[in-house]
Amino acid sequence: MAGYWKLAKLYEYYSKGAIMEKKTNNGLPSEIRYCVNCNLINQRTTGKNEFFHTPETIHKTVKFDENGVCAGCHFVKKEFDEKVINWKEREEELKQLCDANRKNNGEYDCIVPGSGGKDSIYAAYILKHKYKMNPLTVTWSPHLYTDVGWKNFQSWLHKGGFDNYLYTPNPKIHKLVTREAVLRLLHPFQPFIIGQKMFATKIAAKFNIPLIFYGEMQGKGGKEVSHKAKTFAESGSQGGFEMDPLEGKKFEDAYLGGKQIREYLDEGVTLNDLESYRPLNIETIKKKKINFYYLGYFLRWIPQEMYYFAVKNTDFSPNPQRTEGTYTKYQSLDDKIDGFFHYTSYIKFGFGRAMSDSCEEVRHGHITKDEGKALIKKFDGEYPQRYENEFYDYISMKKEEFLELCDKFRPDHIWQKKSNQWILKKSL
């Protein structure tokens, strides 16, 4: 019966305008394809509600049209089509939104979640200094700060001029849940992803702040959402960005690290221990009239330009050396575990950090498709050695155990072993 429902869900999703493809049991296309425009692999997942992410989860993946072009390319193309998006009109919408919610009595009127990366720097800075808002920046602490990440976080606040709430969840519990996420999902970033989204909403409720601004729209990464979707859905349609991620269920019925919360409770972990991860009740969100917006809906969001903006206005520093797994030095620098998040994504989906960065830059015209392809071939899937000792200590695991676990997560339709080496069955 479980197999029947899996197939039924797959049919429901992929019959809504997508090209029907044969799927594996967990929803990944059984035939590997690459976008003819940006090189993106069709195994790239498009987000999910992490509170119900288990080893049995059926993944939704980026859709390709009949010409082999991915949804991310189509989305970005619309951003440069004046017939589709009038950016002056959208900025006017932002001005009106700010005018309607601006507070001049010293109270905060919007929240910008972030850690001091280029995107959160841009969002907070422009809201305060151009649109005259009074943002509160909020930060769910990385697992393990890097030196450059901590430096950029401090520069964000001191040179940008922002108040900030930095929250560090119970490290003992966060380590436990992160280890479970690795063991069950090969997803070392999952608890962080959950926490950072829950924290901003709770602070908004605590201080009666009506607006929460996130950065780029999810469609740029391939999620199939309308370019008109400026805010979060209440549930369902924007996997990973729902206002009610519990979907009406009890917190104890949800999952953390692929493990049901009831199991943690049975093992002696308390609800108090896990309170940091509990979402704010949807009724409270409605009562407090908290609204979520993508700033990238109102302003054209080009990551490389955000980097130059951050350097100019807050002395943002790139990595002193090339970031492992890619060719860039300015993306996702703050957490020592970040490299393993991208490495495990490469293991599970054939989608690594160099592919993520290069696809983005191809779509925005910074590099060509062939240049992107060469960078993917050179750097994608590189093992992140720099912080490996700290990572293995954090998840209480030996390197040999982790690599053996990775091999168990390699999908048969993506990987094959030749001469005792794992290689992609179909490379670019």
Protein backbone atom coordinates (compact mmCIF):
# COMPACT_ATOMS: atom_id res chain seq x y z
CA MET A 1 0.00 0.00 0.00
CA ALA A 2 2.87 2.40 0.82
CA GLY A 3 4.24 1.89 -2.69
CA TYR A 4 0.85 2.72 -4.16
CA TRP A 5 0.67 6.05 -2.36
CA LYS A 6 4.18 6.92 -3.46
CA LEU A 7 3.21 6.38 -7.09
CA ALA A 8 -0.03 8.30 -6.61
CA LYS A 9 1.83 11.32 -5.22
CA LEU A 10 4.34 11.20 -8.03
CA TYR A 11 1.58 11.14 -10.62
CA GLU A 12 -0.24 14.01 -8.94
CA TYR A 13 2.86 16.21 -9.03
CA TYR A 14 4.31 15.36 -12.40
CA SER A 15 1.00 15.45 -14.25
CA LYS A 16 0.59 19.16 -13.52
CA GLY A 17 2.13 20.48 -16.70
CA ALA A 18 5.49 18.71 -16.41
CA ILE A 19 6.98 16.36 -18.94
CA MET A 20 6.28 12.88 -17.60
CA GLU A 21 9.51 11.10 -16.77
CA LYS A 22 10.22 7.74 -15.26
CA LYS A 23 10.98 8.15 -11.57
CA THR A 24 12.94 6.26 -8.98
CA ASN A 25 11.24 5.25 -5.74
CA ASN A 26 12.19 8.53 -4.07
CA GLY A 27 11.01 10.69 -6.94
CA LEU A 28 14.25 11.44 -8.75
CA PRO A 29 14.13 11.16 -12.56
CA SER A 30 15.60 7.81 -13.56
CA GLU A 31 17.20 9.33 -16.67
CA ILE A 32 19.87 11.97 -16.02
CA ARG A 33 19.60 15.13 -18.09
CA TYR A 34 21.36 18.49 -17.97
CA CYS A 35 19.85 21.86 -18.82
CA VAL A 36 20.89 22.87 -22.32
CA ASN A 37 21.22 26.47 -21.17
CA CYS A 38 22.91 26.44 -17.73
CA ASN A 39 24.10 22.79 -17.19
CA LEU A 40 21.81 22.13 -14.20
CA ILE A 41 21.19 18.44 -13.52
CA ASN A 42 17.55 17.33 -13.44
CA GLN A 43 18.15 15.54 -10.11
CA ARG A 44 18.28 18.90 -8.32
CA THR A 45 15.51 18.95 -5.72
CA THR A 46 13.34 22.03 -5.29
CA GLY A 47 12.75 22.12 -1.56
CA LYS A 48 10.53 20.32 0.89
CA ASN A 49 8.85 20.81 4.22
CA GLU A 50 11.73 19.73 6.44
CA PHE A 51 9.40 18.98 9.36
CA PHE A 52 8.19 15.94 7.44
CA HIS A 53 11.42 15.03 5.67
CA THR A 54 12.15 11.36 6.27
CA PRO A 55 14.16 8.67 4.45
CA GLU A 56 10.91 7.77 2.65
CA THR A 57 10.27 11.32 1.35
CA ILE A 58 9.44 11.61 -2.34
CA HIS A 59 11.48 14.45 -3.76
CA LYS A 60 10.24 17.07 -6.17
CA THR A 61 12.85 18.03 -8.72
CA VAL A 62 13.45 20.90 -11.09
CA LYS A 63 11.31 20.69 -14.20
CA PHE A 64 12.62 20.83 -17.74
CA ASP A 65 10.60 21.95 -20.74
CA GLU A 66 10.38 20.05 -24.03
CA ASN A 67 13.52 21.82 -25.27
CA GLY A 68 15.60 20.78 -22.28
CA VAL A 69 15.61 24.17 -20.52
CA CYS A 70 15.20 24.15 -16.73
CA ALA A 71 12.65 26.11 -14.72
CA GLY A 72 15.40 28.22 -13.12
CA CYS A 73 16.49 29.53 -16.52
CA HIS A 74 12.91 30.35 -17.45
CA PHE A 75 12.42 32.22 -14.18
CA VAL A 76 15.55 34.35 -14.54
CA LYS A 77 14.74 35.06 -18.19
CA LYS A 78 11.47 36.64 -17.08
CA GLU A 79 13.39 38.96 -14.75
CA PHE A 80 15.12 40.47 -17.78
CA ASP A 81 11.97 40.72 -19.91
CA GLU A 82 10.40 44.17 -19.50
CA LYS A 83 7.17 42.85 -20.95
CA VAL A 84 6.88 40.41 -18.06
CA ILE A 85 8.28 42.39 -15.12
CA ASN A 86 8.26 46.17 -14.74
CA TRP A 87 10.87 46.77 -12.04
CA LYS A 88 9.90 50.41 -11.54
CA GLU A 89 6.36 49.33 -10.72
CA ARG A 90 7.62 46.65 -8.36
CA GLU A 91 9.85 49.09 -6.54
CA GLU A 92 6.86 51.37 -6.18
CA GLU A 93 5.03 48.46 -4.55
CA LEU A 94 7.92 48.17 -2.09
CA LYS A 95 7.79 51.87 -1.29
CA GLN A 96 4.07 51.64 -0.62
CA LEU A 97 4.58 48.59 1.58
CA CYS A 98 7.27 50.38 3.56
CA ASP A 99 5.15 53.54 3.87
CA ALA A 100 2.26 51.51 5.25
CA ASN A 101 4.40 49.79 7.89
CA ARG A 102 7.14 52.29 8.75
CA LYS A 103 7.42 53.20 12.43
CA ASN A 104 8.93 56.48 13.55
CA ASN A 105 8.69 55.89 17.30
CA GLY A 106 11.85 53.83 17.70
CA GLU A 107 10.14 50.48 17.26
CA TYR A 108 11.32 47.99 14.68
CA ASP A 109 9.15 47.80 11.58
CA CYS A 110 10.74 44.87 9.74
CA ILE A 111 13.04 41.91 10.27
CA VAL A 112 15.91 40.79 8.06
CA PRO A 113 17.10 37.27 8.90
CA GLY A 114 20.73 36.59 8.04
CA SER A 115 24.26 35.92 9.16
CA GLY A 116 26.12 38.77 7.52
CA GLY A 117 26.46 37.25 4.08
CA LYS A 118 26.14 39.36 0.96
CA ASP A 119 22.36 38.88 0.64
CA SER A 120 21.42 39.82 4.20
CA ILE A 121 23.84 42.76 4.09
CA TYR A 122 22.18 44.09 0.95
CA ALA A 123 18.64 43.55 2.25
CA ALA A 124 19.17 45.19 5.64
CA TYR A 125 21.27 48.05 4.28
CA ILE A 126 18.96 49.08 1.49
CA LEU A 127 15.83 48.83 3.65
CA LYS A 128 17.38 51.09 6.27
CA HIS A 129 19.34 53.56 4.22
CA LYS A 130 17.26 53.86 1.05
CA TYR A 131 13.74 53.07 2.17
CA LYS A 132 14.12 54.53 5.69
CA MET A 133 12.88 51.46 7.54
CA ASN A 134 14.08 50.43 11.00
CA PRO A 135 15.07 46.77 10.53
CA LEU A 136 16.01 44.36 13.28
CA THR A 137 18.49 41.80 12.01
CA VAL A 138 18.16 38.32 13.50
CA THR A 139 20.66 35.48 13.31
CA TRP A 140 20.36 31.80 14.10
CA SER A 141 23.96 30.94 14.83
CA PRO A 142 25.88 28.73 12.39
CA HIS A 143 26.97 25.37 13.75
CA LEU A 144 30.63 26.40 13.75
CA TYR A 145 31.60 29.93 12.74
CA THR A 146 34.46 30.37 10.31
CA ASP A 147 36.87 33.24 10.93
CA VAL A 148 35.78 35.09 7.80
CA GLY A 149 32.11 34.43 8.63
CA TRP A 150 32.44 35.95 12.09
CA LYS A 151 34.37 38.91 10.68
CA ASN A 152 31.65 39.58 8.09
CA PHE A 153 28.92 39.21 10.70
CA GLN A 154 30.58 41.88 12.86
CA SER A 155 31.16 44.16 9.87
CA TRP A 156 27.49 43.84 8.89
CA LEU A 157 26.40 45.20 12.25
CA HIS A 158 29.18 47.69 13.01
CA LYS A 159 29.62 49.22 9.57
CA GLY A 160 26.03 48.82 8.42
CA GLY A 161 24.66 50.09 11.71
CA PHE A 162 22.11 47.44 12.75
CA ASP A 163 20.63 46.03 15.92
CA ASN A 164 20.85 42.25 16.01
CA TYR A 165 19.59 39.27 17.95
CA LEU A 166 22.07 36.40 17.71
CA TYR A 167 20.57 33.14 18.94
CA THR A 168 22.60 30.03 19.69
CA PRO A 169 20.42 26.93 20.21
CA ASN A 170 21.36 24.44 22.92
CA PRO A 171 24.62 23.09 21.42
CA LYS A 172 24.18 19.64 22.97
CA ILE A 173 20.74 19.22 21.38
CA HIS A 174 21.76 20.85 18.10
CA LYS A 175 24.65 18.41 17.77
CA LEU A 176 22.33 15.50 18.51
CA VAL A 177 19.77 16.53 15.90
CA THR A 178 22.48 17.29 13.34
CA ARG A 179 23.98 13.84 13.84
CA GLU A 180 20.53 12.27 13.32
CA ALA A 181 20.10 14.34 10.14
CA VAL A 182 23.41 12.99 8.84
CA LEU A 183 22.64 9.37 9.75
CA ARG A 184 19.08 9.33 8.43
CA LEU A 185 19.08 11.91 5.63
CA LEU A 186 22.75 12.66 4.89
CA HIS A 187 21.71 16.27 5.43
CA PRO A 188 24.00 18.03 7.94
CA PHE A 189 22.35 21.42 7.42
CA GLN A 190 18.75 20.40 8.06
CA PRO A 191 18.46 21.48 11.72
CA PHE A 192 20.05 24.84 10.84
CA ILE A 193 17.62 25.34 7.94
CA ILE A 194 14.67 24.66 10.23
CA GLY A 195 15.93 26.81 13.07
CA GLN A 196 16.75 29.93 11.11
CA LYS A 197 13.25 30.06 9.62
CA MET A 198 11.48 29.50 12.94
CA PHE A 199 13.55 32.06 14.85
CA ALA A 200 12.71 35.08 12.71
CA THR A 201 8.97 34.52 13.07
CA LYS A 202 9.16 34.18 16.85
CA ILE A 203 11.10 37.43 17.18
CA ALA A 204 8.58 39.18 14.94
CA ALA A 205 5.79 38.05 17.25
CA LYS A 206 7.69 39.02 20.39
CA PHE A 207 8.29 42.59 19.23
CA ASN A 208 5.10 43.01 17.15
CA ILE A 209 7.08 43.49 13.95
CA PRO A 210 4.78 43.25 10.92
CA LEU A 211 7.24 42.44 8.11
CA ILE A 212 9.89 39.80 7.54
CA PHE A 213 12.02 40.25 4.42
CA TYR A 214 13.85 37.32 2.85
CA GLY A 215 16.16 37.72 -0.13
CA GLU A 216 15.92 36.09 -3.51
CA MET A 217 12.80 34.41 -4.82
CA GLN A 218 12.83 30.62 -4.76
CA GLY A 219 12.10 30.33 -8.47
CA LYS A 220 15.64 31.43 -9.28
CA GLY A 221 16.92 28.09 -8.03
CA GLY A 222 14.41 26.07 -10.03
CA LYS A 223 11.45 25.83 -7.66
CA GLU A 224 8.30 26.00 -9.74
CA VAL A 225 6.63 29.10 -8.34
CA SER A 226 5.16 32.08 -10.12
CA HIS A 227 7.31 35.17 -10.62
CA LYS A 228 4.33 36.97 -9.08
CA ALA A 229 4.62 35.06 -5.77
CA LYS A 230 5.92 37.81 -3.50
CA THR A 231 5.18 36.10 -0.18
CA PHE A 232 4.96 32.70 1.51
CA ALA A 233 2.06 30.35 1.01
CA GLU A 234 0.22 29.21 4.15
CA SER A 235 1.16 25.60 3.39
CA GLY A 236 1.93 23.12 0.67
CA SER A 237 2.83 24.93 -2.52
CA GLN A 238 6.24 26.34 -1.58
CA GLY A 239 7.99 23.39 0.02
CA GLY A 240 10.25 24.73 2.76
CA PHE A 241 8.65 28.17 2.83
CA GLU A 242 5.26 27.63 4.44
CA MET A 243 3.73 29.81 7.16
CA ASP A 244 2.28 26.66 8.74
CA PRO A 245 4.98 23.99 8.34
CA LEU A 246 3.28 21.67 10.84
CA GLU A 247 0.30 21.51 8.47
CA GLY A 248 -2.13 21.49 11.38
CA LYS A 249 -0.43 18.57 13.12
CA LYS A 250 1.09 18.42 16.60
CA PHE A 251 4.75 19.30 17.02
CA GLU A 252 5.36 15.82 18.43
CA ASP A 253 4.21 14.32 15.13
CA ALA A 254 6.80 16.26 13.13
CA TYR A 255 10.37 15.16 12.41
CA LEU A 256 13.80 16.60 13.17
CA GLY A 257 16.77 15.04 11.45
CA GLY A 258 14.45 12.52 9.85
CA LYS A 259 13.45 11.23 13.29
CA GLN A 260 10.00 11.76 14.75
CA ILE A 261 9.99 14.09 17.73
CA ARG A 262 8.10 11.49 19.76
CA GLU A 263 11.15 9.25 19.45
CA TYR A 264 13.39 11.91 20.96
CA LEU A 265 10.93 12.28 23.84
CA ASP A 266 10.94 8.52 24.42
CA GLU A 267 14.73 8.68 24.70
CA GLY A 268 14.68 11.38 27.38
CA VAL A 269 14.93 14.56 25.32
CA THR A 270 12.28 17.03 26.53
CA LEU A 271 9.99 19.37 24.66
CA ASN A 272 11.84 22.21 26.35
CA ASP A 273 15.04 20.94 24.76
CA LEU A 274 13.42 21.08 21.32
CA GLU A 275 11.48 24.33 21.76
CA SER A 276 13.92 26.27 19.57
CA TYR A 277 12.73 24.30 16.54
CA ARG A 278 9.00 24.59 17.21
CA PRO A 279 7.23 26.81 14.64
CA LEU A 280 5.09 29.71 15.72
CA ASN A 281 1.42 28.78 15.67
CA ILE A 282 -0.28 29.87 12.44
CA GLU A 283 -3.08 31.50 14.40
CA THR A 284 -0.54 33.67 16.23
CA ILE A 285 0.98 34.68 12.90
CA LYS A 286 -2.43 35.74 11.65
CA LYS A 287 -3.37 37.49 14.89
CA LYS A 288 -0.10 39.41 14.96
CA LYS A 289 -0.49 40.17 11.23
CA ILE A 290 3.05 39.05 10.42
CA ASN A 291 3.76 39.07 6.70
CA PHE A 292 6.64 37.46 4.82
CA TYR A 293 8.06 38.94 1.63
CA TYR A 294 10.84 38.22 -0.82
CA LEU A 295 12.78 41.43 -1.36
CA GLY A 296 13.83 39.85 -4.66
CA TYR A 297 10.25 40.23 -5.86
CA PHE A 298 10.51 44.01 -5.61
CA LEU A 299 14.16 44.47 -6.60
CA ARG A 300 16.10 42.54 -9.23
CA TRP A 301 18.28 40.09 -7.30
CA ILE A 302 21.70 39.38 -8.83
CA PRO A 303 23.99 37.65 -6.30
CA GLN A 304 27.28 38.83 -7.78
CA GLU A 305 26.09 42.43 -7.59
CA MET A 306 25.09 41.85 -3.94
CA TYR A 307 28.69 40.84 -3.30
CA TYR A 308 30.11 44.07 -4.73
CA PHE A 309 27.49 46.05 -2.78
CA ALA A 310 28.48 44.32 0.47
CA VAL A 311 32.20 44.96 -0.16
CA LYS A 312 31.57 48.65 -0.80
CA ASN A 313 29.19 49.33 2.09
CA THR A 314 30.27 47.01 4.93
CA ASP A 315 33.79 45.91 3.99
CA PHE A 316 32.61 42.37 3.31
CA SER A 317 35.51 39.94 2.93
CA PRO A 318 35.61 37.00 0.54
CA ASN A 319 37.23 33.74 1.53
CA PRO A 320 41.02 34.14 1.69
CA GLN A 321 41.22 31.05 -0.53
CA ARG A 322 38.94 29.34 -3.04
CA THR A 323 35.93 27.75 -1.36
CA GLU A 324 36.20 23.97 -1.57
CA GLY A 325 33.85 22.37 -4.07
CA THR A 326 33.58 25.47 -6.21
CA TYR A 327 35.53 28.28 -7.85
CA THR A 328 33.98 31.23 -5.97
CA LYS A 329 35.09 32.94 -2.77
CA TYR A 330 32.01 34.93 -1.75
CA GLN A 331 29.07 32.54 -1.24
CA SER A 332 28.05 30.81 2.02
CA LEU A 333 31.19 31.48 4.02
CA ASP A 334 30.04 31.54 7.62
CA ASP A 335 29.72 27.88 8.69
CA LYS A 336 32.48 25.24 8.78
CA ILE A 337 29.83 22.58 8.03
CA ASP A 338 28.63 24.30 4.86
CA GLY A 339 31.08 22.45 2.62
CA PHE A 340 29.70 19.12 3.80
CA PHE A 341 26.15 20.26 3.03
CA HIS A 342 27.13 20.78 -0.61
CA TYR A 343 29.24 17.62 -0.69
CA THR A 344 26.34 15.48 0.54
CA SER A 345 24.06 17.13 -2.01
CA TYR A 346 26.50 16.01 -4.69
CA ILE A 347 26.42 12.46 -3.31
CA LYS A 348 22.61 12.28 -3.22
CA PHE A 349 21.70 14.23 -6.34
CA GLY A 350 24.83 14.82 -8.45
CA PHE A 351 24.33 18.51 -7.66
CA GLY A 352 27.39 20.12 -6.11
CA ARG A 353 28.53 23.56 -5.14
CA ALA A 354 30.28 24.44 -8.39
CA MET A 355 27.16 23.52 -10.33
CA SER A 356 25.01 25.65 -8.03
CA ASP A 357 27.29 28.68 -8.38
CA SER A 358 27.96 28.35 -12.09
CA CYS A 359 24.32 27.80 -13.09
CA GLU A 360 23.47 31.02 -11.30
CA GLU A 361 26.22 32.93 -13.06
CA VAL A 362 25.37 31.49 -16.49
CA ARG A 363 21.75 32.60 -16.09
CA HIS A 364 22.85 36.12 -15.22
CA GLY A 365 25.33 36.31 -18.08
CA HIS A 366 28.50 36.46 -16.00
CA ILE A 367 29.98 33.33 -17.58
CA THR A 368 29.12 31.20 -20.60
CA LYS A 369 27.60 27.74 -20.56
CA ASP A 370 30.93 26.23 -21.69
CA GLU A 371 32.82 28.08 -18.96
CA GLY A 372 30.30 26.82 -16.42
CA LYS A 373 30.70 23.28 -17.72
CA ALA A 374 34.48 23.44 -17.35
CA LEU A 375 34.17 24.75 -13.78
CA ILE A 376 31.72 21.99 -12.86
CA LYS A 377 34.02 19.33 -14.25
CA LYS A 378 36.99 20.75 -12.34
CA PHE A 379 35.47 21.48 -8.93
CA ASP A 380 32.06 19.86 -8.41
CA GLY A 381 32.07 17.17 -5.73
CA GLU A 382 35.45 18.14 -4.30
CA TYR A 383 35.78 16.72 -0.79
CA PRO A 384 35.78 19.57 1.82
CA GLN A 385 38.98 18.82 3.70
CA ARG A 386 39.62 22.18 5.35
CA TYR A 387 37.26 21.77 8.31
CA GLU A 388 36.85 18.01 8.32
CA ASN A 389 38.20 17.47 11.83
CA GLU A 390 35.78 20.00 13.34
CA PHE A 391 32.89 18.49 11.35
CA TYR A 392 33.54 14.91 12.46
CA ASP A 393 33.98 16.00 16.05
CA TYR A 394 30.69 17.90 15.87
CA ILE A 395 28.68 14.92 14.63
CA SER A 396 30.63 12.39 16.75
CA MET A 397 31.65 10.30 13.77
CA LYS A 398 34.88 9.04 12.25
CA LYS A 399 35.77 9.97 8.70
CA GLU A 400 35.64 6.34 7.61
CA GLU A 401 32.11 5.98 9.03
CA PHE A 402 30.94 9.10 7.23
CA LEU A 403 32.36 8.08 3.86
CA GLU A 404 30.85 4.61 4.21
CA LEU A 405 27.51 6.27 4.98
CA CYS A 406 27.85 8.48 1.91
CA ASP A 407 28.28 5.42 -0.30
CA LYS A 408 24.99 4.03 1.03
CA PHE A 409 23.22 7.20 -0.08
CA ARG A 410 24.56 7.15 -3.65
CA PRO A 411 21.61 6.46 -5.99
CA ASP A 412 22.24 3.57 -8.38
CA HIS A 413 20.95 5.52 -11.37
CA ILE A 414 23.44 8.37 -10.74
CA TRP A 415 26.61 6.56 -9.65
CA GLN A 416 28.73 3.65 -10.73
CA LYS A 417 32.03 2.31 -9.42
CA LYS A 418 34.93 1.77 -11.81
CA SER A 419 38.47 0.85 -10.81
CA ASN A 420 37.40 1.31 -7.20
CA GLN A 421 36.38 4.93 -7.89
CA TRP A 422 32.85 6.38 -7.86
CA ILE A 423 31.95 8.21 -11.06
CA LEU A 424 28.75 9.69 -12.45
CA LYS A 425 27.01 7.37 -14.88
CA LYS A 426 26.26 10.34 -17.10
CA SER A 427 28.48 13.37 -16.75
CA LEU A 428 28.25 16.68 -18.54
